[in-house]
C-alpha atoms as a PDB file:
ATOM      1  CA  UNK A   1     123.900 174.960 100.017  1.00  0.00           C
ATOM      2  CA  UNK A   2     127.193 176.836 100.204  1.00  0.00           C
ATOM      3  CA  UNK A   3     129.025 174.066  98.348  1.00  0.00           C
ATOM      4  CA  UNK A   4     126.461 174.181  95.559  1.00  0.00           C
ATOM      5  CA  UNK A   5     126.762 177.957  95.384  1.00  0.00           C
ATOM      6  CA  UNK A   6     130.570 177.904  95.258  1.00  0.00           C
ATOM      7  CA  UNK A   7     130.587 175.028  92.758  1.00  0.00           C
ATOM      8  CA  UNK A   8     128.313 176.993  90.444  1.00  0.00           C
ATOM      9  CA  UNK A   9     130.580 180.034  90.642  1.00  0.00           C
ATOM     10  CA  UNK A  10     133.728 178.007  89.953  1.00  0.00           C
ATOM     11  CA  UNK A  11     132.042 176.113  87.097  1.00  0.00           C
ATOM     12  CA  UNK A  12     130.798 179.322  85.494  1.00  0.00           C
ATOM     13  CA  UNK A  13     134.208 180.967  85.802  1.00  0.00           C
ATOM     14  CA  UNK A  14     135.982 177.954  84.270  1.00  0.00           C
ATOM     15  CA  UNK A  15     133.457 177.758  81.464  1.00  0.00           C
ATOM     16  CA  UNK A  16     133.947 181.396  80.626  1.00  0.00           C
ATOM     17  CA  UNK A  17     137.742 181.210  80.827  1.00  0.00           C
ATOM     18  CA  UNK A  18     137.947 178.138  78.610  1.00  0.00           C
ATOM     19  CA  UNK A  19     135.504 179.419  75.998  1.00  0.00           C
ATOM     20  CA  UNK A  20     137.017 180.330  72.595  1.00  0.00           C
ATOM     21  CA  UNK A  21     136.586 184.144  72.840  1.00  0.00           C
ATOM     22  CA  UNK A  22     138.795 187.169  72.915  1.00  0.00           C
ATOM     23  CA  UNK A  23     140.107 188.429  76.249  1.00  0.00           C
ATOM     24  CA  UNK A  24     137.977 191.595  76.268  1.00  0.00           C
ATOM     25  CA  UNK A  25     134.807 189.622  75.579  1.00  0.00           C
ATOM     26  CA  UNK A  26     135.707 187.148  78.290  1.00  0.00           C
ATOM     27  CA  UNK A  27     136.381 189.945  80.806  1.00  0.00           C
ATOM     28  CA  UNK A  28     133.090 191.624  79.973  1.00  0.00           C
ATOM     29  CA  UNK A  29     131.259 188.328  80.387  1.00  0.00           C
ATOM     30  CA  UNK A  30     133.029 187.801  83.712  1.00  0.00           C
ATOM     31  CA  UNK A  31     131.936 191.254  84.874  1.00  0.00           C
ATOM     32  CA  UNK A  32     128.339 190.554  83.890  1.00  0.00           C
ATOM     33  CA  UNK A  33     128.346 187.145  85.563  1.00  0.00           C
ATOM     34  CA  UNK A  34     129.981 188.632  88.650  1.00  0.00           C
ATOM     35  CA  UNK A  35     127.277 191.292  88.875  1.00  0.00           C
ATOM     36  CA  UNK A  36     124.599 188.643  88.331  1.00  0.00           C
ATOM     37  CA  UNK A  37     126.034 186.374  91.042  1.00  0.00           C
ATOM     38  CA  UNK A  38     126.468 189.299  93.422  1.00  0.00           C
ATOM     39  CA  UNK A  39     122.804 190.218  92.951  1.00  0.00           C
ATOM     40  CA  UNK A  40     121.745 186.607  93.476  1.00  0.00           C
ATOM     41  CA  UNK A  41     123.929 186.420  96.560  1.00  0.00           C
ATOM     42  CA  UNK A  42     122.394 189.607  97.941  1.00  0.00           C
ATOM     43  CA  UNK A  43     118.898 188.226  97.360  1.00  0.00           C
ATOM     44  CA  UNK A  44     119.862 184.953  99.034  1.00  0.00           C
ATOM     45  CA  UNK A  45     121.288 186.784 102.049  1.00  0.00           C
ATOM     46  CA  UNK A  46     118.188 188.952 102.330  1.00  0.00           C
ATOM     47  CA  UNK A  47     115.972 185.855 102.333  1.00  0.00           C
ATOM     48  CA  UNK A  48     118.163 184.057 104.857  1.00  0.00           C
ATOM     49  CA  UNK A  49     118.336 187.119 107.079  1.00  0.00           C
ATOM     50  CA  UNK A  50     114.535 187.026 107.336  1.00  0.00           C
ATOM     51  CA  UNK A  51     114.630 183.332 108.218  1.00  0.00           C
ATOM     52  CA  UNK A  52     117.240 183.932 110.874  1.00  0.00           C
ATOM     53  CA  UNK A  53     115.147 186.721 112.383  1.00  0.00           C
ATOM     54  CA  UNK A  54     112.147 184.399 112.566  1.00  0.00           C
ATOM     55  CA  UNK A  55     114.237 181.711 114.255  1.00  0.00           C
ATOM     56  CA  UNK A  56     115.616 184.232 116.746  1.00  0.00           C
ATOM     57  CA  UNK A  57     112.091 185.351 117.631  1.00  0.00           C
ATOM     58  CA  UNK A  58     110.999 181.726 118.107  1.00  0.00           C
ATOM     59  CA  UNK A  59     113.971 181.066 120.391  1.00  0.00           C
ATOM     60  CA  UNK A  60     113.216 184.238 122.371  1.00  0.00           C
ATOM     61  CA  UNK A  61     109.630 183.116 122.891  1.00  0.00           C
ATOM     62  CA  UNK A  62     110.731 179.644 123.993  1.00  0.00           C
ATOM     63  CA  UNK A  63     113.211 181.196 126.436  1.00  0.00           C
ATOM     64  CA  UNK A  64     110.565 183.569 127.809  1.00  0.00           C
ATOM     65  CA  UNK A  65     108.242 180.642 128.439  1.00  0.00           C
ATOM     66  CA  UNK A  66     111.034 178.644 130.081  1.00  0.00           C
ATOM     67  CA  UNK A  67     111.949 181.578 132.334  1.00  0.00           C
ATOM     68  CA  UNK A  68     108.311 182.085 133.311  1.00  0.00           C
ATOM     69  CA  UNK A  69     107.942 178.386 134.125  1.00  0.00           C
ATOM     70  CA  UNK A  70     111.195 178.486 136.097  1.00  0.00           C
ATOM     71  CA  UNK A  71     109.929 181.455 138.109  1.00  0.00           C
ATOM     72  CA  UNK A  72     106.748 179.572 138.955  1.00  0.00           C
ATOM     73  CA  UNK A  73     108.701 176.505 140.062  1.00  0.00           C
ATOM     74  CA  UNK A  74     110.987 178.636 142.223  1.00  0.00           C
ATOM     75  CA  UNK A  75     108.032 180.515 143.692  1.00  0.00           C
ATOM     76  CA  UNK A  76     106.331 177.217 144.611  1.00  0.00           C
ATOM     77  CA  UNK A  77     109.560 175.851 146.109  1.00  0.00           C
ATOM     78  CA  UNK A  78     109.999 178.997 148.214  1.00  0.00           C
ATOM     79  CA  UNK A  79     106.409 178.735 149.482  1.00  0.00           C
ATOM     80  CA  UNK A  80     106.890 175.076 150.368  1.00  0.00           C
ATOM     81  CA  UNK A  81     110.155 175.958 152.092  1.00  0.00           C
ATOM     82  CA  UNK A  82     108.414 178.660 154.134  1.00  0.00           C
ATOM     83  CA  UNK A  83     105.691 176.228 155.178  1.00  0.00           C
ATOM     84  CA  UNK A  84     108.256 173.598 156.180  1.00  0.00           C
ATOM     85  CA  UNK A  85     110.264 176.197 158.113  1.00  0.00           C
ATOM     86  CA  UNK A  86     107.130 177.399 159.906  1.00  0.00           C
ATOM     87  CA  UNK A  87     106.169 173.830 160.828  1.00  0.00           C
ATOM     88  CA  UNK A  88     109.680 173.059 162.080  1.00  0.00           C
ATOM     89  CA  UNK A  89     109.709 176.307 164.055  1.00  0.00           C
ATOM     90  CA  UNK A  90     106.379 175.450 165.693  1.00  0.00           C
ATOM     91  CA  UNK A  91     107.580 171.942 166.572  1.00  0.00           C
ATOM     92  CA  UNK A  92     110.799 173.312 168.031  1.00  0.00           C
ATOM     93  CA  UNK A  93     108.865 175.941 169.980  1.00  0.00           C
ATOM     94  CA  UNK A  94     106.555 173.214 171.392  1.00  0.00           C
ATOM     95  CA  UNK A  95     109.572 171.099 172.421  1.00  0.00           C
ATOM     96  CA  UNK A  96     111.209 174.115 174.023  1.00  0.00           C
ATOM     97  CA  UNK A  97     108.052 174.950 175.968  1.00  0.00           C
ATOM     98  CA  UNK A  98     107.717 171.317 177.086  1.00  0.00           C
ATOM     99  CA  UNK A  99     111.332 171.244 178.259  1.00  0.00           C
ATOM    100  CA  UNK A 100     110.887 174.532 180.082  1.00  0.00           C
ATOM    101  CA  UNK A 101     107.883 173.201 181.925  1.00  0.00           C
ATOM    102  CA  UNK A 102     109.658 169.954 182.683  1.00  0.00           C
ATOM    103  CA  UNK A 103     107.323 167.684 180.780  1.00  0.00           C
ATOM    104  CA  UNK A 104     108.331 165.199 178.050  1.00  0.00           C
ATOM    105  CA  UNK A 105     108.162 166.491 174.483  1.00  0.00           C
ATOM    106  CA  UNK A 106     105.199 165.380 172.366  1.00  0.00           C
ATOM    107  CA  UNK A 107     105.917 162.951 169.542  1.00  0.00           C
END
């Protein structure tokens, strides 16, 4: 898109410079074309700015969803870790009690 835009500007400038006109007429035409291209460029940037904003909002939403999913996964992992720690603690406590009483630990 940028190449097309720059090519059009260069082509227009060369066409104007090589045209059989007086210098003042050529300069005036260049000023008019420059103003026209500046206005077109401003319009293009305004349109693209809106597109970029939309894309940024889409990316934000995707990231929010990913963060929320990540939080859920971490929360589940923490809960599973707590359960495993509790189970291991109970098993260790049972083995300790068995050793204290002098009986063999349960399998």
